[in-house]
Amino acid sequence: MKGLLRKLVVITIFFSYAAKLYAPSSESLVIISSSPVEPFRKLIHAIGMVETRLDTLAYNVEEEATGFFQIRPVRVNDYNIRTGSNFSLKDMYNYQIAEKIFLYYASIIGPSDFERIAKSWNGSGPLTITYWARVKEYL
């Protein structure tokens, strides 16, 4: 009996060490999927409300301003020169392209100054003050 008990203890110890050697550790890597950081999302919505009431097909005949962000030809040309792109005014009806252009200019200023981004997007001069007030209503 004594010999059998001893063998059982040795076998138990052996298997517990062997199991520990081959078992995954309790320290494991957990990958959690998170939402992307979108620092300009609220500003995009606010500008879209002021410019077009979120209409991606909007067109202003007087200014030739096109799409959700009401992008004018001069902005498209400037973007193309700065980035080597070849977008046309018609491309501004495509929200993803128009957003890419907006984000390019917004990123130059940075995510911490919505007022400056909005005023810069609208143009220059005293009307930007009114524009910013309208944008703030939707932030």
Foldseek 3Di string as FASTA:
>chain_A
DVVVVVVVVVVVVVVVVVCVVPPDDPDDDDDDDDDDDDLCVLLLCLQLCLPPNVFQQDADPVQRQHGSNRDGQVLVVVVCVVPVDDDGSVCSSPVVVVVVSLCVQDPVVHSPCSLVSQLVSVPDDDVSVVSSVSSVVRD
